Amino acid sequence: MENVSGETCKAIHKGVDESMNRTEQRLNNHSDRIDSVEDAVLKLTIMVDSIGKKSIFDKMLTVSVFIIAVVLLAVILGPEYVGKVIGGI
């Protein structure tokens, strides 16, 4: 086996250290990107959950407005006309 000079050993270690630093920086950048993706997924999940809840409340609001309209129709036109309108549906 050959003996390696100190200068050669230092040059090789310098190259390895630079490669390790570059790899560590890339790993840190990827970690930051993963964190931002996780934050975006969390925000989207919250948004989807809130949209689902809003749609249920929107449906309840629609039914409530329909009931109010039927009651007002009954008050204005009288029960026999409302019965004909609702019975025709």
Protein backbone atom coordinates (compact mmCIF):
# COMPACT_ATOMS: atom_id res chain seq x y z
CA MET A 1 0.00 0.00 0.00
CA GLU A 2 1.28 3.45 -0.85
CA ASN A 3 1.71 6.20 1.67
CA VAL A 4 -0.47 9.27 1.02
CA SER A 5 1.08 12.66 1.61
CA GLY A 6 -0.46 15.08 4.06
CA GLU A 7 -1.26 17.57 1.30
CA THR A 8 -3.14 14.97 -0.72
CA CYS A 9 -5.07 13.91 2.37
CA LYS A 10 -5.98 17.55 3.14
CA ALA A 11 -7.12 18.15 -0.44
CA ILE A 12 -9.32 15.03 -0.39
CA HIS A 13 -10.81 16.00 2.99
CA LYS A 14 -11.46 19.53 1.74
CA GLY A 15 -13.40 18.10 -1.22
CA VAL A 16 -15.35 15.77 1.06
CA ASP A 17 -16.15 18.61 3.48
CA GLU A 18 -17.37 20.83 0.62
CA SER A 19 -19.54 18.00 -0.67
CA MET A 20 -20.96 17.41 2.81
CA ASN A 21 -21.72 21.13 3.26
CA ARG A 22 -23.43 21.27 -0.13
CA THR A 23 -25.45 18.16 0.72
CA GLU A 24 -26.42 19.58 4.12
CA GLN A 25 -27.57 22.86 2.52
CA ARG A 26 -29.67 20.96 -0.01
CA LEU A 27 -31.16 18.83 2.76
CA ASN A 28 -32.04 21.95 4.77
CA ASN A 29 -33.64 23.53 1.69
CA HIS A 30 -35.69 20.40 1.10
CA SER A 31 -36.72 20.39 4.75
CA ASP A 32 -37.95 23.98 4.43
CA ARG A 33 -39.88 23.08 1.28
CA ILE A 34 -41.46 20.07 3.00
CA ASP A 35 -42.50 22.31 5.91
CA SER A 36 -44.15 24.76 3.52
CA VAL A 37 -45.96 21.91 1.75
CA GLU A 38 -47.18 20.59 5.10
CA ASP A 39 -48.49 24.06 5.98
CA ALA A 40 -50.29 24.30 2.63
CA VAL A 41 -51.87 20.85 3.08
CA LEU A 42 -53.03 21.82 6.58
CA LYS A 43 -54.59 25.05 5.28
CA LEU A 44 -56.31 23.17 2.44
CA THR A 45 -57.64 20.57 4.87
CA ILE A 46 -59.07 23.29 7.11
CA MET A 47 -60.58 25.01 4.07
CA VAL A 48 -62.21 21.81 2.81
CA ASP A 49 -63.62 21.10 6.27
CA SER A 50 -65.05 24.61 6.51
CA ILE A 51 -66.54 24.38 3.01
CA GLY A 52 -68.23 21.11 3.96
CA LYS A 53 -69.70 22.71 7.05
CA LYS A 54 -70.81 25.78 5.14
CA SER A 55 -72.60 23.70 2.55
CA ILE A 56 -74.68 22.03 5.28
CA PHE A 57 -75.59 25.43 6.72
CA ASP A 58 -76.35 26.72 3.23
CA LYS A 59 -78.78 23.84 2.74
CA MET A 60 -80.41 24.56 6.07
CA LEU A 61 -80.71 28.23 5.11
CA THR A 62 -82.33 27.30 1.78
CA VAL A 63 -84.88 25.06 3.50
CA SER A 64 -85.60 27.78 6.07
CA VAL A 65 -86.14 30.41 3.37
CA PHE A 66 -88.46 28.00 1.51
CA ILE A 67 -90.51 27.42 4.67
CA ILE A 68 -90.72 31.16 5.33
CA ALA A 69 -91.84 31.71 1.73
CA VAL A 70 -94.57 29.06 2.08
CA VAL A 71 -95.79 30.63 5.34
CA LEU A 72 -95.86 34.11 3.78
CA LEU A 73 -97.65 32.69 0.75
CA ALA A 74 -100.23 31.12 3.07
CA VAL A 75 -100.74 34.42 4.87
CA ILE A 76 -101.07 36.43 1.68
CA LEU A 77 -103.06 34.07 -0.56
CA GLY A 78 -104.85 31.94 1.96
CA PRO A 79 -104.53 28.27 2.84
CA GLU A 80 -106.57 26.84 -0.05
CA TYR A 81 -104.31 28.41 -2.73
CA VAL A 82 -101.16 27.33 -0.92
CA GLY A 83 -102.52 23.78 -0.70
CA LYS A 84 -103.07 23.79 -4.47
CA VAL A 85 -99.53 25.14 -5.11
CA ILE A 86 -97.84 22.70 -2.76
CA GLY A 87 -100.04 19.81 -3.90
CA GLY A 88 -99.12 20.55 -7.52
CA ILE A 89 -95.41 20.14 -6.76
